[in-house]
C-alpha cells in the first residue's frame, strides 16, 4: 500500500456494530448547509504518532490502569481505508477499515480523543465501544465506526491500539498505540 490513508468512499454498507442501524451513511458529503449554519468536514490525515494533547489526555485518564507504548506508526504494509466520511444534518459519520493483515490472536482496538476527552462511552477502559475486530459479510475486519454530534466545531485523533494482554511490573495493562488519523469539522454561521 503506497499511502497509509486512502479515501475510498463507498456506498452505505454494514459496519458490524450495533450503532446507527448497523450501516454507514456512505460516501463523502463534506458540507451540510442547515437553516442557520454550515458544517464543513476537515480532510482526514494519517498520523504516525499522536499529538502531545492526545498522550496527556489518555495517560491522565487511564495511566494508572494502563501502560501506553508508542510504536511510531502502523506495521509495514498496513494502512487505513476511509469508506464513509459524511455530514448529514447534525451528525458526522466516519467509517474506516484497517487495511493490513489482522492476526485473529492480536486484540486491535481504537482509542479516540476528541476535544480534550477520551471517547470511550464511559467505560472502564480507553477503547471506543464501536470499533475493533468484527466480521462483515464473512470478512474479518478491524474497523472504526463513529458517529458524532456536529452542532459544534470539533477535532479528533483516533489511533489503532494493540491491547497486548500483558501487565507491566506495576500491574498496568500494556497497550501499544500504532498509527491513526486526525479529522474534524467546523460549524460556520450562515
C-alpha atoms as a PDB file:
ATOM      1  CA  UNK A   1       0.000   0.000   0.000  1.00  0.00           C
ATOM      2  CA  UNK A   2       1.632   3.228  -1.161  1.00  0.00           C
ATOM      3  CA  UNK A   3      -0.290   5.556   1.154  1.00  0.00           C
ATOM      4  CA  UNK A   4      -1.118   4.943   4.797  1.00  0.00           C
ATOM      5  CA  UNK A   5      -4.500   6.673   4.329  1.00  0.00           C
ATOM      6  CA  UNK A   6      -6.654   6.144   1.268  1.00  0.00           C
ATOM      7  CA  UNK A   7     -10.008   7.870   0.848  1.00  0.00           C
ATOM      8  CA  UNK A   8     -12.046   5.152  -0.861  1.00  0.00           C
ATOM      9  CA  UNK A   9     -15.569   6.369  -0.270  1.00  0.00           C
ATOM     10  CA  UNK A  10     -18.236   3.797  -0.972  1.00  0.00           C
ATOM     11  CA  UNK A  11     -21.991   3.495  -0.744  1.00  0.00           C
ATOM     12  CA  UNK A  12     -23.750   2.766   2.518  1.00  0.00           C
ATOM     13  CA  UNK A  13     -22.576  -0.586   3.888  1.00  0.00           C
ATOM     14  CA  UNK A  14     -22.775  -2.709   7.059  1.00  0.00           C
ATOM     15  CA  UNK A  15     -20.181  -1.794   9.695  1.00  0.00           C
ATOM     16  CA  UNK A  16     -20.684  -4.728  12.074  1.00  0.00           C
ATOM     17  CA  UNK A  17     -21.559  -2.648  15.161  1.00  0.00           C
ATOM     18  CA  UNK A  18     -24.999  -2.050  16.702  1.00  0.00           C
ATOM     19  CA  UNK A  19     -24.875   1.775  16.405  1.00  0.00           C
ATOM     20  CA  UNK A  20     -26.932   3.728  13.839  1.00  0.00           C
ATOM     21  CA  UNK A  21     -28.872   0.775  12.482  1.00  0.00           C
ATOM     22  CA  UNK A  22     -25.776  -1.230  11.541  1.00  0.00           C
ATOM     23  CA  UNK A  23     -24.950   0.635   8.304  1.00  0.00           C
ATOM     24  CA  UNK A  24     -22.840   3.643   7.375  1.00  0.00           C
ATOM     25  CA  UNK A  25     -24.203   6.797   5.787  1.00  0.00           C
ATOM     26  CA  UNK A  26     -21.848   6.066   2.897  1.00  0.00           C
ATOM     27  CA  UNK A  27     -19.855   8.194   0.513  1.00  0.00           C
ATOM     28  CA  UNK A  28     -18.399  11.607   1.191  1.00  0.00           C
ATOM     29  CA  UNK A  29     -20.543  14.646   1.873  1.00  0.00           C
ATOM     30  CA  UNK A  30     -18.050  17.296   3.038  1.00  0.00           C
ATOM     31  CA  UNK A  31     -20.543  20.137   3.636  1.00  0.00           C
ATOM     32  CA  UNK A  32     -24.049  20.335   5.034  1.00  0.00           C
ATOM     33  CA  UNK A  33     -25.978  23.586   4.864  1.00  0.00           C
ATOM     34  CA  UNK A  34     -28.595  23.961   7.555  1.00  0.00           C
ATOM     35  CA  UNK A  35     -31.010  26.810   8.232  1.00  0.00           C
ATOM     36  CA  UNK A  36     -28.676  28.789  10.477  1.00  0.00           C
ATOM     37  CA  UNK A  37     -25.244  27.240   9.924  1.00  0.00           C
ATOM     38  CA  UNK A  38     -22.995  25.244   7.644  1.00  0.00           C
ATOM     39  CA  UNK A  39     -20.967  22.187   8.780  1.00  0.00           C
ATOM     40  CA  UNK A  40     -17.702  21.554   6.901  1.00  0.00           C
ATOM     41  CA  UNK A  41     -15.593  18.409   7.291  1.00  0.00           C
ATOM     42  CA  UNK A  42     -11.811  18.755   7.573  1.00  0.00           C
ATOM     43  CA  UNK A  43      -9.933  16.239   5.401  1.00  0.00           C
ATOM     44  CA  UNK A  44      -8.702  13.187   7.334  1.00  0.00           C
ATOM     45  CA  UNK A  45      -4.912  12.920   7.744  1.00  0.00           C
ATOM     46  CA  UNK A  46      -2.719   9.915   8.578  1.00  0.00           C
ATOM     47  CA  UNK A  47      -0.711  10.317  11.794  1.00  0.00           C
ATOM     48  CA  UNK A  48       2.173   8.017  12.692  1.00  0.00           C
ATOM     49  CA  UNK A  49       2.192   9.333  16.260  1.00  0.00           C
ATOM     50  CA  UNK A  50      -0.346  11.118  18.427  1.00  0.00           C
ATOM     51  CA  UNK A  51      -0.053  14.742  19.490  1.00  0.00           C
ATOM     52  CA  UNK A  52       1.107  15.700  22.964  1.00  0.00           C
ATOM     53  CA  UNK A  53      -2.530  16.551  23.805  1.00  0.00           C
ATOM     54  CA  UNK A  54      -3.664  13.014  22.905  1.00  0.00           C
ATOM     55  CA  UNK A  55      -0.891  11.438  25.015  1.00  0.00           C
ATOM     56  CA  UNK A  56      -1.587  13.668  28.027  1.00  0.00           C
ATOM     57  CA  UNK A  57      -5.353  13.125  27.841  1.00  0.00           C
ATOM     58  CA  UNK A  58      -5.160   9.325  27.573  1.00  0.00           C
ATOM     59  CA  UNK A  59      -2.473   8.971  30.222  1.00  0.00           C
ATOM     60  CA  UNK A  60      -4.245  11.323  32.660  1.00  0.00           C
ATOM     61  CA  UNK A  61      -7.482   9.351  32.305  1.00  0.00           C
ATOM     62  CA  UNK A  62      -6.073   5.782  32.274  1.00  0.00           C
ATOM     63  CA  UNK A  63      -2.375   5.970  33.205  1.00  0.00           C
ATOM     64  CA  UNK A  64      -2.767   4.093  36.485  1.00  0.00           C
ATOM     65  CA  UNK A  65      -4.561   1.112  34.940  1.00  0.00           C
ATOM     66  CA  UNK A  66      -2.845   1.092  31.541  1.00  0.00           C
ATOM     67  CA  UNK A  67       0.736   1.479  30.402  1.00  0.00           C
ATOM     68  CA  UNK A  68       0.887   3.067  26.949  1.00  0.00           C
ATOM     69  CA  UNK A  69       3.731   2.451  24.486  1.00  0.00           C
ATOM     70  CA  UNK A  70       4.038   4.276  21.168  1.00  0.00           C
ATOM     71  CA  UNK A  71       5.069   2.341  18.047  1.00  0.00           C
ATOM     72  CA  UNK A  72       5.567   5.347  15.755  1.00  0.00           C
ATOM     73  CA  UNK A  73       3.174   4.163  13.052  1.00  0.00           C
ATOM     74  CA  UNK A  74       1.428   1.165  11.574  1.00  0.00           C
ATOM     75  CA  UNK A  75       3.154  -2.148  10.825  1.00  0.00           C
ATOM     76  CA  UNK A  76       4.737  -2.490   7.371  1.00  0.00           C
ATOM     77  CA  UNK A  77       2.096  -2.884   4.680  1.00  0.00           C
ATOM     78  CA  UNK A  78      -0.743  -1.568   6.837  1.00  0.00           C
ATOM     79  CA  UNK A  79      -2.906   1.458   6.177  1.00  0.00           C
ATOM     80  CA  UNK A  80      -6.379   2.892   6.574  1.00  0.00           C
ATOM     81  CA  UNK A  81      -9.156   2.968   4.001  1.00  0.00           C
ATOM     82  CA  UNK A  82     -11.827   5.613   4.665  1.00  0.00           C
ATOM     83  CA  UNK A  83     -15.103   4.184   3.332  1.00  0.00           C
ATOM     84  CA  UNK A  84     -17.552   6.775   4.660  1.00  0.00           C
ATOM     85  CA  UNK A  85     -16.944  10.313   5.873  1.00  0.00           C
ATOM     86  CA  UNK A  86     -20.076  12.394   5.641  1.00  0.00           C
ATOM     87  CA  UNK A  87     -22.030  15.083   7.404  1.00  0.00           C
ATOM     88  CA  UNK A  88     -25.802  14.768   7.283  1.00  0.00           C
ATOM     89  CA  UNK A  89     -27.934  17.173   9.259  1.00  0.00           C
ATOM     90  CA  UNK A  90     -26.341  17.461  12.680  1.00  0.00           C
ATOM     91  CA  UNK A  91     -24.342  14.172  12.517  1.00  0.00           C
ATOM     92  CA  UNK A  92     -20.879  13.261  11.263  1.00  0.00           C
ATOM     93  CA  UNK A  93     -20.401   9.660  10.127  1.00  0.00           C
ATOM     94  CA  UNK A  94     -16.894   8.141   9.863  1.00  0.00           C
ATOM     95  CA  UNK A  95     -16.169   4.564   8.791  1.00  0.00           C
ATOM     96  CA  UNK A  96     -12.550   3.432   8.452  1.00  0.00           C
ATOM     97  CA  UNK A  97     -11.186  -0.042   7.763  1.00  0.00           C
ATOM     98  CA  UNK A  98      -7.644  -1.081   8.684  1.00  0.00           C
ATOM     99  CA  UNK A  99      -6.005  -2.478   5.544  1.00  0.00           C
ATOM    100  CA  UNK A 100      -3.422  -4.830   6.903  1.00  0.00           C
ATOM    101  CA  UNK A 101      -3.211  -8.467   7.763  1.00  0.00           C
ATOM    102  CA  UNK A 102      -5.030  -8.606  11.098  1.00  0.00           C
ATOM    103  CA  UNK A 103      -3.927 -11.602  13.116  1.00  0.00           C
ATOM    104  CA  UNK A 104      -7.002 -13.037  14.889  1.00  0.00           C
ATOM    105  CA  UNK A 105      -4.883 -13.563  18.012  1.00  0.00           C
ATOM    106  CA  UNK A 106      -3.978  -9.844  18.256  1.00  0.00           C
ATOM    107  CA  UNK A 107      -6.528  -7.645  20.034  1.00  0.00           C
ATOM    108  CA  UNK A 108      -6.677  -4.491  17.910  1.00  0.00           C
ATOM    109  CA  UNK A 109      -8.926  -1.693  19.192  1.00  0.00           C
ATOM    110  CA  UNK A 110      -9.270   2.073  18.722  1.00  0.00           C
ATOM    111  CA  UNK A 111      -8.603   4.934  21.122  1.00  0.00           C
ATOM    112  CA  UNK A 112     -10.079   8.329  20.296  1.00  0.00           C
ATOM    113  CA  UNK A 113      -9.557  11.712  21.882  1.00  0.00           C
ATOM    114  CA  UNK A 114     -11.988  14.421  20.861  1.00  0.00           C
ATOM    115  CA  UNK A 115     -11.759  17.961  22.197  1.00  0.00           C
ATOM    116  CA  UNK A 116      -9.717  17.036  25.270  1.00  0.00           C
ATOM    117  CA  UNK A 117     -11.582  13.898  26.361  1.00  0.00           C
ATOM    118  CA  UNK A 118     -11.195  10.162  25.778  1.00  0.00           C
ATOM    119  CA  UNK A 119     -14.258   8.947  23.872  1.00  0.00           C
ATOM    120  CA  UNK A 120     -14.872   5.536  25.407  1.00  0.00           C
ATOM    121  CA  UNK A 121     -18.597   5.579  26.114  1.00  0.00           C
ATOM    122  CA  UNK A 122     -17.973   5.951  29.875  1.00  0.00           C
ATOM    123  CA  UNK A 123     -16.394   2.507  30.149  1.00  0.00           C
ATOM    124  CA  UNK A 124     -13.536   1.477  32.454  1.00  0.00           C
ATOM    125  CA  UNK A 125     -11.132   1.075  29.519  1.00  0.00           C
ATOM    126  CA  UNK A 126      -9.876   3.632  26.963  1.00  0.00           C
ATOM    127  CA  UNK A 127     -11.263   1.890  23.866  1.00  0.00           C
ATOM    128  CA  UNK A 128     -14.087   3.045  21.605  1.00  0.00           C
ATOM    129  CA  UNK A 129     -17.154   0.824  22.014  1.00  0.00           C
ATOM    130  CA  UNK A 130     -17.796   0.736  18.226  1.00  0.00           C
ATOM    131  CA  UNK A 131     -14.563  -0.292  16.620  1.00  0.00           C
ATOM    132  CA  UNK A 132     -12.133  -3.170  16.562  1.00  0.00           C
ATOM    133  CA  UNK A 133     -12.206  -6.697  15.172  1.00  0.00           C
ATOM    134  CA  UNK A 134     -15.517  -7.581  13.597  1.00  0.00           C
ATOM    135  CA  UNK A 135     -16.854  -9.627  10.750  1.00  0.00           C
ATOM    136  CA  UNK A 136     -18.904  -8.190   7.901  1.00  0.00           C
ATOM    137  CA  UNK A 137     -20.259 -10.435   5.135  1.00  0.00           C
ATOM    138  CA  UNK A 138     -17.808 -13.171   6.129  1.00  0.00           C
ATOM    139  CA  UNK A 139     -14.748 -10.882   6.003  1.00  0.00           C
ATOM    140  CA  UNK A 140     -12.643 -10.332   9.120  1.00  0.00           C
ATOM    141  CA  UNK A 141     -12.069  -6.598   9.572  1.00  0.00           C
ATOM    142  CA  UNK A 142     -10.578  -4.198  12.042  1.00  0.00           C
ATOM    143  CA  UNK A 143     -12.791  -1.210  11.586  1.00  0.00           C
ATOM    144  CA  UNK A 144     -13.788   2.033  13.189  1.00  0.00           C
ATOM    145  CA  UNK A 145     -17.321   3.309  13.090  1.00  0.00           C
ATOM    146  CA  UNK A 146     -18.012   6.633  14.713  1.00  0.00           C
ATOM    147  CA  UNK A 147     -20.976   8.943  14.604  1.00  0.00           C
ATOM    148  CA  UNK A 148     -20.852  12.290  16.384  1.00  0.00           C
ATOM    149  CA  UNK A 149     -22.910  15.382  17.015  1.00  0.00           C
ATOM    150  CA  UNK A 150     -21.948  18.130  14.568  1.00  0.00           C
ATOM    151  CA  UNK A 151     -23.604  21.079  16.279  1.00  0.00           C
ATOM    152  CA  UNK A 152     -20.249  22.461  17.494  1.00  0.00           C
ATOM    153  CA  UNK A 153     -16.775  22.546  15.956  1.00  0.00           C
ATOM    154  CA  UNK A 154     -14.674  19.516  16.933  1.00  0.00           C
ATOM    155  CA  UNK A 155     -11.288  17.953  16.310  1.00  0.00           C
ATOM    156  CA  UNK A 156     -10.403  14.331  16.937  1.00  0.00           C
ATOM    157  CA  UNK A 157      -7.481  11.933  16.853  1.00  0.00           C
ATOM    158  CA  UNK A 158      -8.102   8.200  16.688  1.00  0.00           C
ATOM    159  CA  UNK A 159      -5.368   5.560  16.873  1.00  0.00           C
ATOM    160  CA  UNK A 160      -5.275   1.844  16.312  1.00  0.00           C
ATOM    161  CA  UNK A 161      -4.110   0.206  19.519  1.00  0.00           C
ATOM    162  CA  UNK A 162      -2.891  -3.288  20.365  1.00  0.00           C
ATOM    163  CA  UNK A 163      -4.221  -4.446  23.727  1.00  0.00           C
ATOM    164  CA  UNK A 164      -1.372  -6.871  24.467  1.00  0.00           C
ATOM    165  CA  UNK A 165      -2.987  -8.678  27.397  1.00  0.00           C
ATOM    166  CA  UNK A 166       0.346  -8.290  29.228  1.00  0.00           C
ATOM    167  CA  UNK A 167       0.799  -6.443  32.507  1.00  0.00           C
ATOM    168  CA  UNK A 168       3.924  -4.428  33.267  1.00  0.00           C
ATOM    169  CA  UNK A 169       5.903  -4.503  36.544  1.00  0.00           C
ATOM    170  CA  UNK A 170       3.344  -2.189  38.229  1.00  0.00           C
ATOM    171  CA  UNK A 171       0.358  -4.340  37.170  1.00  0.00           C
ATOM    172  CA  UNK A 172      -0.864  -1.967  34.453  1.00  0.00           C
ATOM    173  CA  UNK A 173      -2.200  -3.457  31.217  1.00  0.00           C
ATOM    174  CA  UNK A 174       0.178  -2.728  28.324  1.00  0.00           C
ATOM    175  CA  UNK A 175      -1.310  -1.087  25.230  1.00  0.00           C
ATOM    176  CA  UNK A 176       0.738  -0.269  22.114  1.00  0.00           C
ATOM    177  CA  UNK A 177      -0.518   2.786  20.226  1.00  0.00           C
ATOM    178  CA  UNK A 178       0.125   2.435  16.481  1.00  0.00           C
ATOM    179  CA  UNK A 179      -0.828   4.745  13.586  1.00  0.00           C
ATOM    180  CA  UNK A 180      -4.003   6.746  13.433  1.00  0.00           C
ATOM    181  CA  UNK A 181      -5.761   9.643  11.857  1.00  0.00           C
ATOM    182  CA  UNK A 182      -6.796  13.183  12.613  1.00  0.00           C
ATOM    183  CA  UNK A 183     -10.102  14.599  11.455  1.00  0.00           C
ATOM    184  CA  UNK A 184     -12.781  17.052  12.479  1.00  0.00           C
ATOM    185  CA  UNK A 185     -15.334  19.573  11.365  1.00  0.00           C
ATOM    186  CA  UNK A 186     -16.238  23.159  11.846  1.00  0.00           C
ATOM    187  CA  UNK A 187     -19.572  24.867  12.231  1.00  0.00           C
ATOM    188  CA  UNK A 188     -19.882  28.201  10.434  1.00  0.00           C
ATOM    189  CA  UNK A 189     -22.745  30.668  10.954  1.00  0.00           C
ATOM    190  CA  UNK A 190     -24.938  31.337   7.965  1.00  0.00           C
END
